C-alpha cells in the first residue's frame, strides 16, 4: 500500500492535480512527459487517433483531440519526419470521412502545421494521394496553395499556423 501512495504522489508532483471537469485537462503535460519514450510509430499512431477522433460529436473529445494534435506537432514533430508521407495520406483520407466543415478545417490545419516544417515531405505525400473527386478533399488544395504562396512570396517567414477553434490562424 505505501508503494502505491508513493507512486501516486510522484505522478501528482510530475503531472499536477487532475481536474476531471474537462477531458483534456492535463493532456499536454502528459504528452510532454511521456512523448519522449514513444517511438515514431507510436507517436504517429497517437496523432492519427487524435485526428480520427475529430469526427466525434462530443465537444470534450474534440477538445482533447485538438490538444493532442497541438502537443505532438509542437513538441515532437522531429520524431514524425520519416512518417510524414503516411500521416499526409491518412489526413487526406480523413477529409472524405468528416462532413462537418469546422472539423475538416482542423484536419487541414494539421496538414498545414506539418507543411510548415516538412514542406517537401508533405508535398510528396499529397502528390502520392489520389486526385480528389469530392468537394471535401478538393477543399484542402486552396488552403495548402495559400500557405505555399505565403511561404514563398512573403518577405518575412510566415507565422506558424495553430490548431484552434476550427479555423486556420496564420
N, C-alpha and C. Protein backbone atom coordinates (compact mmCIF):
# COMPACT_ATOMS: atom_id res chain seq x y z
N UNK A 1 0.80 -1.20 0.00
CA UNK A 1 0.00 0.00 0.00
C UNK A 1 0.85 1.27 0.00
N UNK A 2 1.94 1.34 0.79
CA UNK A 2 2.75 2.56 0.78
C UNK A 2 3.40 2.82 -0.58
N UNK A 3 3.68 1.76 -1.34
CA UNK A 3 4.29 1.94 -2.65
C UNK A 3 3.32 2.66 -3.58
N UNK A 4 2.03 2.27 -3.55
CA UNK A 4 1.03 2.92 -4.38
C UNK A 4 0.89 4.40 -4.02
N UNK A 5 0.89 4.69 -2.73
CA UNK A 5 0.77 6.07 -2.28
C UNK A 5 1.98 6.89 -2.74
N UNK A 6 3.16 6.29 -2.66
CA UNK A 6 4.37 6.98 -3.10
C UNK A 6 4.34 7.26 -4.61
N UNK A 7 3.92 6.24 -5.38
CA UNK A 7 3.80 6.43 -6.83
C UNK A 7 2.77 7.50 -7.15
N UNK A 8 1.64 7.47 -6.44
CA UNK A 8 0.61 8.48 -6.67
C UNK A 8 1.16 9.88 -6.41
N UNK A 9 1.90 10.05 -5.34
CA UNK A 9 2.47 11.36 -5.02
C UNK A 9 3.49 11.79 -6.07
N UNK A 10 4.29 10.83 -6.56
CA UNK A 10 5.28 11.14 -7.58
C UNK A 10 4.60 11.59 -8.88
N UNK A 11 3.56 10.85 -9.30
CA UNK A 11 2.82 11.23 -10.51
C UNK A 11 2.12 12.56 -10.33
N UNK A 12 1.56 12.79 -9.15
CA UNK A 12 0.87 14.04 -8.87
C UNK A 12 1.85 15.21 -8.95
N UNK A 13 3.05 15.02 -8.41
CA UNK A 13 4.06 16.07 -8.46
C UNK A 13 4.49 16.33 -9.90
N UNK A 14 4.65 15.28 -10.68
CA UNK A 14 5.11 15.41 -12.06
C UNK A 14 4.03 15.98 -12.97
N UNK A 15 2.80 15.47 -12.86
CA UNK A 15 1.74 15.82 -13.80
C UNK A 15 0.76 16.85 -13.28
N UNK A 16 0.81 17.15 -12.00
CA UNK A 16 -0.13 18.11 -11.45
C UNK A 16 -1.42 17.42 -11.01
N UNK A 17 -2.30 18.21 -10.46
CA UNK A 17 -3.57 17.68 -9.99
C UNK A 17 -4.52 17.52 -11.16
N UNK A 18 -5.14 16.38 -11.22
CA UNK A 18 -6.09 16.12 -12.30
C UNK A 18 -7.46 16.67 -11.92
N UNK A 19 -8.00 17.51 -12.75
CA UNK A 19 -9.33 18.04 -12.56
C UNK A 19 -10.21 17.45 -13.65
N UNK A 20 -11.09 16.52 -13.33
CA UNK A 20 -11.87 15.84 -14.37
C UNK A 20 -13.02 16.67 -14.95
N UNK A 21 -12.99 17.97 -14.80
CA UNK A 21 -14.06 18.79 -15.35
C UNK A 21 -13.94 18.93 -16.86
N UNK A 22 -12.75 18.78 -17.40
CA UNK A 22 -12.53 18.85 -18.84
C UNK A 22 -11.74 17.62 -19.27
N UNK A 23 -12.11 17.08 -20.44
CA UNK A 23 -11.49 15.84 -20.90
C UNK A 23 -10.01 16.01 -21.19
N UNK A 24 -9.56 17.21 -21.57
CA UNK A 24 -8.16 17.38 -21.98
C UNK A 24 -7.35 18.14 -20.94
N UNK A 25 -7.76 18.07 -19.68
CA UNK A 25 -7.15 18.88 -18.63
C UNK A 25 -5.63 18.81 -18.61
N UNK A 26 -5.07 17.64 -18.53
CA UNK A 26 -3.61 17.51 -18.40
C UNK A 26 -2.97 16.83 -19.59
N UNK A 27 -3.66 16.77 -20.72
CA UNK A 27 -3.15 16.01 -21.86
C UNK A 27 -1.81 16.55 -22.36
N UNK A 28 -1.69 17.85 -22.47
CA UNK A 28 -0.42 18.42 -22.97
C UNK A 28 0.73 18.05 -22.07
N UNK A 29 0.52 18.14 -20.77
CA UNK A 29 1.58 17.79 -19.82
C UNK A 29 1.92 16.31 -19.91
N UNK A 30 0.91 15.48 -20.01
CA UNK A 30 1.14 14.03 -20.10
C UNK A 30 1.91 13.69 -21.36
N UNK A 31 1.53 14.30 -22.48
CA UNK A 31 2.23 14.03 -23.74
C UNK A 31 3.67 14.52 -23.67
N UNK A 32 3.90 15.67 -23.07
CA UNK A 32 5.27 16.18 -22.94
C UNK A 32 6.12 15.23 -22.10
N UNK A 33 5.55 14.69 -21.03
CA UNK A 33 6.30 13.81 -20.15
C UNK A 33 6.51 12.42 -20.76
N UNK A 34 5.49 11.88 -21.39
CA UNK A 34 5.58 10.51 -21.90
C UNK A 34 6.02 10.43 -23.35
N UNK A 35 5.90 11.52 -24.08
CA UNK A 35 6.23 11.52 -25.51
C UNK A 35 7.67 11.17 -25.81
N UNK A 36 8.55 11.50 -24.90
CA UNK A 36 9.96 11.20 -25.13
C UNK A 36 10.25 9.69 -25.13
N UNK A 37 9.32 8.90 -24.59
CA UNK A 37 9.50 7.46 -24.53
C UNK A 37 8.80 6.73 -25.68
N UNK A 38 8.08 7.47 -26.52
CA UNK A 38 7.35 6.85 -27.62
C UNK A 38 8.21 6.78 -28.87
N UNK A 39 8.06 5.71 -29.62
CA UNK A 39 8.76 5.58 -30.89
C UNK A 39 8.04 6.43 -31.94
N UNK A 40 8.68 6.71 -33.08
CA UNK A 40 7.97 7.45 -34.13
C UNK A 40 6.68 6.77 -34.57
N UNK A 41 6.65 5.44 -34.61
CA UNK A 41 5.43 4.73 -34.97
C UNK A 41 4.32 4.98 -33.94
N UNK A 42 4.67 4.93 -32.67
CA UNK A 42 3.68 5.16 -31.61
C UNK A 42 3.20 6.61 -31.62
N UNK A 43 4.11 7.54 -31.85
CA UNK A 43 3.73 8.95 -31.90
C UNK A 43 2.81 9.20 -33.10
N UNK A 44 3.11 8.57 -34.23
CA UNK A 44 2.27 8.69 -35.41
C UNK A 44 0.88 8.12 -35.13
N UNK A 45 0.83 6.96 -34.49
CA UNK A 45 -0.46 6.36 -34.16
C UNK A 45 -1.27 7.26 -33.24
N UNK A 46 -0.63 7.86 -32.26
CA UNK A 46 -1.32 8.77 -31.35
C UNK A 46 -1.87 9.97 -32.10
N UNK A 47 -1.07 10.53 -32.99
CA UNK A 47 -1.51 11.67 -33.80
C UNK A 47 -2.71 11.28 -34.67
N UNK A 48 -2.65 10.12 -35.31
CA UNK A 48 -3.73 9.70 -36.20
C UNK A 48 -5.00 9.35 -35.43
N UNK A 49 -4.87 8.82 -34.23
CA UNK A 49 -6.04 8.56 -33.40
C UNK A 49 -6.70 9.89 -33.02
N UNK A 50 -5.89 10.89 -32.71
CA UNK A 50 -6.45 12.21 -32.39
C UNK A 50 -7.20 12.78 -33.58
N UNK A 51 -6.64 12.64 -34.77
CA UNK A 51 -7.32 13.14 -35.97
C UNK A 51 -8.62 12.38 -36.21
N UNK A 52 -8.58 11.07 -36.05
CA UNK A 52 -9.79 10.27 -36.24
C UNK A 52 -10.88 10.63 -35.24
N UNK A 53 -10.48 11.02 -34.04
CA UNK A 53 -11.47 11.38 -33.03
C UNK A 53 -12.08 12.76 -33.25
N UNK A 54 -11.57 13.51 -34.19
CA UNK A 54 -12.20 14.79 -34.53
C UNK A 54 -13.59 14.58 -35.13
N UNK A 55 -13.88 13.37 -35.58
CA UNK A 55 -15.19 13.06 -36.16
C UNK A 55 -16.27 12.93 -35.09
N UNK A 56 -15.87 12.80 -33.84
CA UNK A 56 -16.83 12.59 -32.76
C UNK A 56 -17.72 13.81 -32.59
N UNK A 57 -18.91 13.57 -32.06
CA UNK A 57 -19.87 14.65 -31.87
C UNK A 57 -19.76 15.29 -30.49
N UNK A 58 -18.96 14.72 -29.62
CA UNK A 58 -18.80 15.26 -28.28
C UNK A 58 -17.70 16.32 -28.27
N UNK A 59 -18.02 17.49 -27.81
CA UNK A 59 -17.05 18.60 -27.82
C UNK A 59 -15.85 18.31 -26.93
N UNK A 60 -16.05 17.58 -25.83
CA UNK A 60 -14.93 17.24 -24.94
C UNK A 60 -13.89 16.40 -25.68
N UNK A 61 -14.35 15.45 -26.48
CA UNK A 61 -13.44 14.59 -27.24
C UNK A 61 -12.73 15.41 -28.31
N UNK A 62 -13.45 16.31 -28.96
CA UNK A 62 -12.83 17.17 -29.97
C UNK A 62 -11.78 18.08 -29.35
N UNK A 63 -12.09 18.62 -28.18
CA UNK A 63 -11.14 19.49 -27.49
C UNK A 63 -9.88 18.72 -27.10
N UNK A 64 -10.06 17.50 -26.62
CA UNK A 64 -8.91 16.66 -26.27
C UNK A 64 -8.09 16.31 -27.51
N UNK A 65 -8.77 16.04 -28.62
CA UNK A 65 -8.06 15.72 -29.87
C UNK A 65 -7.24 16.91 -30.34
N UNK A 66 -7.82 18.10 -30.27
CA UNK A 66 -7.07 19.30 -30.66
C UNK A 66 -5.85 19.50 -29.77
N UNK A 67 -6.02 19.26 -28.47
CA UNK A 67 -4.90 19.41 -27.53
C UNK A 67 -3.79 18.41 -27.85
N UNK A 68 -4.17 17.19 -28.17
CA UNK A 68 -3.17 16.16 -28.52
C UNK A 68 -2.44 16.55 -29.80
N UNK A 69 -3.20 16.99 -30.81
CA UNK A 69 -2.56 17.41 -32.08
C UNK A 69 -1.57 18.54 -31.83
N UNK A 70 -1.99 19.56 -31.09
CA UNK A 70 -1.10 20.68 -30.81
C UNK A 70 0.14 20.24 -30.04
N UNK A 71 -0.04 19.41 -29.03
CA UNK A 71 1.10 18.97 -28.21
C UNK A 71 2.10 18.17 -29.04
N UNK A 72 1.60 17.27 -29.87
CA UNK A 72 2.51 16.45 -30.68
C UNK A 72 3.20 17.30 -31.73
N UNK A 73 2.43 18.11 -32.45
CA UNK A 73 3.03 18.89 -33.54
C UNK A 73 3.92 20.01 -33.01
N UNK A 74 3.72 20.43 -31.79
CA UNK A 74 4.57 21.48 -31.22
C UNK A 74 5.84 20.90 -30.59
N UNK A 75 5.72 19.77 -29.92
CA UNK A 75 6.84 19.25 -29.13
C UNK A 75 7.59 18.07 -29.75
N UNK A 76 6.95 17.31 -30.62
CA UNK A 76 7.58 16.08 -31.11
C UNK A 76 7.56 15.94 -32.61
N UNK A 77 7.46 17.05 -33.31
CA UNK A 77 7.40 16.98 -34.78
C UNK A 77 8.67 16.37 -35.37
N UNK A 78 9.81 16.55 -34.70
CA UNK A 78 11.06 16.00 -35.21
C UNK A 78 11.01 14.47 -35.31
N UNK A 79 10.25 13.83 -34.43
CA UNK A 79 10.18 12.37 -34.48
C UNK A 79 9.21 11.89 -35.56
N UNK A 80 8.46 12.80 -36.16
CA UNK A 80 7.48 12.42 -37.19
C UNK A 80 8.02 12.52 -38.61
N UNK A 81 9.22 13.06 -38.78
CA UNK A 81 9.72 13.36 -40.12
C UNK A 81 9.65 12.16 -41.07
N UNK A 82 10.03 11.00 -40.63
CA UNK A 82 10.02 9.83 -41.52
C UNK A 82 8.60 9.33 -41.78
N UNK A 83 7.66 9.74 -40.97
CA UNK A 83 6.28 9.27 -41.08
C UNK A 83 5.36 10.28 -41.77
N UNK A 84 5.89 11.42 -42.18
CA UNK A 84 5.05 12.49 -42.75
C UNK A 84 4.26 12.02 -43.97
N UNK A 85 4.85 11.32 -44.95
CA UNK A 85 4.02 10.88 -46.09
C UNK A 85 2.84 9.99 -45.67
N UNK A 86 3.07 9.11 -44.72
CA UNK A 86 1.98 8.25 -44.22
C UNK A 86 0.91 9.10 -43.52
N UNK A 87 1.35 10.05 -42.71
CA UNK A 87 0.40 10.92 -42.00
C UNK A 87 -0.41 11.73 -42.99
N UNK A 88 0.24 12.28 -44.01
CA UNK A 88 -0.45 13.07 -45.02
C UNK A 88 -1.50 12.23 -45.74
N UNK A 89 -1.16 10.99 -46.07
CA UNK A 89 -2.12 10.11 -46.72
C UNK A 89 -3.34 9.86 -45.85
N UNK A 90 -3.12 9.65 -44.56
CA UNK A 90 -4.24 9.42 -43.65
C UNK A 90 -5.06 10.68 -43.44
N UNK A 91 -4.40 11.84 -43.35
CA UNK A 91 -5.14 13.10 -43.23
C UNK A 91 -5.99 13.32 -44.47
N UNK A 92 -5.43 13.04 -45.62
CA UNK A 92 -6.15 13.17 -46.88
C UNK A 92 -7.38 12.28 -46.88
N UNK A 93 -7.24 11.04 -46.42
CA UNK A 93 -8.36 10.12 -46.34
C UNK A 93 -9.41 10.61 -45.35
N UNK A 94 -8.97 11.15 -44.21
CA UNK A 94 -9.90 11.62 -43.19
C UNK A 94 -10.84 12.70 -43.71
N UNK A 95 -10.34 13.50 -44.65
CA UNK A 95 -11.18 14.58 -45.18
C UNK A 95 -12.45 14.04 -45.82
N UNK A 96 -12.39 12.85 -46.39
CA UNK A 96 -13.59 12.28 -47.02
C UNK A 96 -14.56 11.70 -46.00
N UNK A 97 -14.11 11.45 -44.78
CA UNK A 97 -14.97 10.85 -43.76
C UNK A 97 -15.57 11.87 -42.81
N UNK A 98 -15.12 13.11 -42.88
CA UNK A 98 -15.60 14.16 -41.97
C UNK A 98 -16.52 15.08 -42.76
N UNK A 99 -17.75 15.23 -42.28
CA UNK A 99 -18.70 16.06 -43.01
C UNK A 99 -18.85 17.46 -42.42
N UNK A 100 -18.46 17.64 -41.18
CA UNK A 100 -18.61 18.95 -40.53
C UNK A 100 -17.48 19.88 -40.98
N UNK A 101 -17.81 21.09 -41.48
CA UNK A 101 -16.77 21.96 -42.05
C UNK A 101 -15.68 22.37 -41.05
N UNK A 102 -16.05 22.63 -39.80
CA UNK A 102 -15.03 23.05 -38.82
C UNK A 102 -14.06 21.92 -38.51
N UNK A 103 -14.57 20.72 -38.49
CA UNK A 103 -13.69 19.57 -38.20
C UNK A 103 -12.78 19.28 -39.39
N UNK A 104 -13.30 19.46 -40.60
CA UNK A 104 -12.43 19.32 -41.78
C UNK A 104 -11.34 20.37 -41.75
N UNK A 105 -11.70 21.58 -41.33
CA UNK A 105 -10.72 22.67 -41.24
C UNK A 105 -9.61 22.31 -40.25
N UNK A 106 -9.95 21.63 -39.17
CA UNK A 106 -8.93 21.24 -38.20
C UNK A 106 -7.97 20.20 -38.78
N UNK A 107 -8.49 19.30 -39.60
CA UNK A 107 -7.62 18.33 -40.26
C UNK A 107 -6.69 19.06 -41.23
N UNK A 108 -7.22 20.04 -41.94
CA UNK A 108 -6.39 20.81 -42.86
C UNK A 108 -5.35 21.64 -42.11
N UNK A 109 -5.69 22.09 -40.90
CA UNK A 109 -4.71 22.83 -40.09
C UNK A 109 -3.55 21.93 -39.69
N UNK A 110 -3.86 20.68 -39.35
CA UNK A 110 -2.79 19.75 -39.02
C UNK A 110 -1.88 19.55 -40.23
N UNK A 111 -2.47 19.49 -41.40
CA UNK A 111 -1.71 19.36 -42.64
C UNK A 111 -0.81 20.59 -42.84
N UNK A 112 -1.34 21.77 -42.58
CA UNK A 112 -0.53 22.99 -42.72
C UNK A 112 0.58 23.07 -41.69
N UNK A 113 0.31 22.60 -40.47
CA UNK A 113 1.36 22.57 -39.45
C UNK A 113 2.51 21.66 -39.88
N UNK A 114 2.16 20.52 -40.44
CA UNK A 114 3.20 19.62 -40.95
C UNK A 114 3.94 20.27 -42.12
N UNK A 115 3.20 20.94 -43.00
CA UNK A 115 3.82 21.58 -44.17
C UNK A 115 4.76 22.69 -43.75
N UNK A 116 4.48 23.34 -42.64
CA UNK A 116 5.35 24.43 -42.17
C UNK A 116 6.76 23.93 -41.91
N UNK A 117 6.87 22.71 -41.37
CA UNK A 117 8.19 22.18 -41.02
C UNK A 117 8.72 21.14 -42.00
N UNK A 118 7.84 20.49 -42.74
CA UNK A 118 8.24 19.41 -43.65
C UNK A 118 7.60 19.62 -45.01
N UNK A 119 7.90 20.73 -45.63
CA UNK A 119 7.25 21.10 -46.88
C UNK A 119 7.45 20.05 -47.97
N UNK A 120 8.67 19.59 -48.16
CA UNK A 120 8.95 18.63 -49.22
C UNK A 120 8.21 17.31 -48.97
N UNK A 121 8.23 16.83 -47.73
CA UNK A 121 7.58 15.57 -47.41
C UNK A 121 6.06 15.67 -47.56
N UNK A 122 5.47 16.80 -47.15
CA UNK A 122 4.02 16.98 -47.28
C UNK A 122 3.64 17.06 -48.76
N UNK A 123 4.40 17.81 -49.52
CA UNK A 123 4.12 17.93 -50.95
C UNK A 123 4.20 16.56 -51.62
N UNK A 124 5.23 15.80 -51.32
CA UNK A 124 5.37 14.45 -51.88
C UNK A 124 4.20 13.57 -51.45
N UNK A 125 3.83 13.65 -50.18
CA UNK A 125 2.70 12.87 -49.69
C UNK A 125 1.40 13.23 -50.38
N UNK A 126 1.15 14.52 -50.60
CA UNK A 126 -0.07 14.94 -51.29
C UNK A 126 -0.06 14.53 -52.75
N UNK A 127 1.10 14.60 -53.37
CA UNK A 127 1.18 14.20 -54.78
C UNK A 127 0.98 12.69 -54.95
N UNK A 128 1.25 11.92 -53.91
CA UNK A 128 1.02 10.48 -53.97
C UNK A 128 -0.44 10.10 -53.72
N UNK A 129 -1.24 11.05 -53.23
CA UNK A 129 -2.65 10.78 -52.98
C UNK A 129 -3.43 10.83 -54.29
N UNK A 130 -4.56 10.13 -54.31
CA UNK A 130 -5.42 10.19 -55.48
C UNK A 130 -6.00 11.58 -55.61
N UNK A 131 -6.27 11.97 -56.85
CA UNK A 131 -6.88 13.27 -57.06
C UNK A 131 -8.25 13.29 -56.41
N UNK A 132 -8.57 14.38 -55.73
CA UNK A 132 -9.87 14.43 -55.05
C UNK A 132 -11.01 14.50 -56.05
N UNK A 133 -12.01 13.70 -55.80
CA UNK A 133 -13.18 13.69 -56.66
C UNK A 133 -14.42 14.17 -55.92
N UNK A 134 -14.24 14.66 -54.72
CA UNK A 134 -15.37 15.20 -53.98
C UNK A 134 -15.02 16.57 -53.41
N UNK A 135 -16.01 17.28 -52.99
CA UNK A 135 -15.79 18.66 -52.54
C UNK A 135 -15.02 18.75 -51.24
N UNK A 136 -15.06 17.70 -50.41
CA UNK A 136 -14.36 17.77 -49.14
C UNK A 136 -12.85 17.73 -49.33
N UNK A 137 -12.39 16.78 -50.11
CA UNK A 137 -10.93 16.68 -50.30
C UNK A 137 -10.43 17.76 -51.23
N UNK A 138 -11.27 18.26 -52.13
CA UNK A 138 -10.86 19.35 -53.00
C UNK A 138 -10.59 20.61 -52.19
N UNK A 139 -11.28 20.76 -51.07
CA UNK A 139 -11.13 21.97 -50.26
C UNK A 139 -9.76 22.10 -49.62
N UNK A 140 -8.96 21.03 -49.55
CA UNK A 140 -7.64 21.14 -48.94
C UNK A 140 -6.65 21.87 -49.84
N UNK A 141 -6.82 21.78 -51.15
CA UNK A 141 -5.82 22.36 -52.05
C UNK A 141 -5.77 23.88 -52.00
N UNK A 142 -6.90 24.62 -51.96
CA UNK A 142 -6.78 26.08 -51.87
C UNK A 142 -6.07 26.53 -50.60
N UNK A 143 -6.36 25.89 -49.46
CA UNK A 143 -5.68 26.25 -48.22
C UNK A 143 -4.20 25.96 -48.28
N UNK A 144 -3.86 24.81 -48.85
CA UNK A 144 -2.46 24.43 -48.96
C UNK A 144 -1.73 25.37 -49.93
N UNK A 145 -2.37 25.73 -51.05
CA UNK A 145 -1.71 26.62 -52.01
C UNK A 145 -1.57 28.02 -51.43
N UNK A 146 -2.54 28.46 -50.61
CA UNK A 146 -2.41 29.77 -49.96
C UNK A 146 -1.22 29.76 -49.01
N UNK A 147 -1.08 28.65 -48.26
CA UNK A 147 0.03 28.53 -47.34
C UNK A 147 1.36 28.58 -48.11
N UNK A 148 1.44 27.85 -49.23
CA UNK A 148 2.66 27.85 -50.03
C UNK A 148 2.97 29.23 -50.58
N UNK A 149 1.95 29.94 -51.08
CA UNK A 149 2.20 31.26 -51.64
C UNK A 149 2.64 32.23 -50.55
N UNK A 150 2.08 32.13 -49.36
CA UNK A 150 2.52 32.98 -48.26
C UNK A 150 3.96 32.67 -47.88
N UNK A 151 4.29 31.39 -47.93
CA UNK A 151 5.63 30.98 -47.52
C UNK A 151 6.69 31.45 -48.51
N UNK A 152 6.39 31.38 -49.81
CA UNK A 152 7.41 31.68 -50.79
C UNK A 152 7.37 33.11 -51.32
N UNK A 153 6.26 33.80 -51.17
CA UNK A 153 6.15 35.14 -51.71
C UNK A 153 6.30 36.24 -50.66
N UNK A 154 6.16 35.92 -49.40
CA UNK A 154 6.26 36.96 -48.38
C UNK A 154 7.72 37.22 -48.04
N UNK A 155 8.05 38.48 -47.74
CA UNK A 155 9.45 38.80 -47.40
C UNK A 155 9.85 38.25 -46.03
N UNK A 156 8.88 38.09 -45.12
CA UNK A 156 9.17 37.57 -43.79
C UNK A 156 8.72 36.13 -43.72
N UNK A 157 9.33 35.33 -42.86
CA UNK A 157 8.85 33.96 -42.72
C UNK A 157 7.41 33.96 -42.21
N UNK A 158 6.58 33.05 -42.73
CA UNK A 158 5.18 33.04 -42.30
C UNK A 158 5.07 32.58 -40.86
N UNK A 159 4.00 33.06 -40.20
CA UNK A 159 3.75 32.59 -38.85
C UNK A 159 3.28 31.15 -38.92
N UNK A 160 3.60 30.42 -37.92
CA UNK A 160 3.21 29.02 -37.88
C UNK A 160 1.72 28.93 -37.59
N UNK A 161 0.97 28.17 -38.39
CA UNK A 161 -0.46 28.03 -38.13
C UNK A 161 -0.71 27.28 -36.84
N UNK A 162 -1.83 27.55 -36.19
CA UNK A 162 -2.20 26.91 -34.94
C UNK A 162 -3.52 26.19 -35.12
N UNK A 163 -3.67 25.05 -34.46
CA UNK A 163 -4.96 24.39 -34.44
C UNK A 163 -5.72 25.00 -33.30
N UNK A 164 -6.83 25.61 -33.60
CA UNK A 164 -7.58 26.31 -32.58
C UNK A 164 -9.02 25.94 -32.58
N UNK A 165 -9.84 26.93 -32.74
CA UNK A 165 -11.28 26.72 -32.62
C UNK A 165 -11.91 26.30 -33.93
N UNK A 166 -11.15 25.73 -34.84
CA UNK A 166 -11.72 25.23 -36.06
C UNK A 166 -11.36 26.07 -37.27
N UNK A 167 -10.59 27.11 -37.11
CA UNK A 167 -10.21 27.95 -38.23
C UNK A 167 -8.70 28.03 -38.31
N UNK A 168 -8.19 28.15 -39.49
CA UNK A 168 -6.75 28.28 -39.69
C UNK A 168 -6.34 29.68 -39.28
N UNK A 169 -5.41 29.77 -38.34
CA UNK A 169 -4.94 31.06 -37.86
C UNK A 169 -3.51 31.20 -38.31
N UNK A 170 -3.21 32.23 -39.04
CA UNK A 170 -1.85 32.44 -39.50
C UNK A 170 -1.33 33.74 -38.97
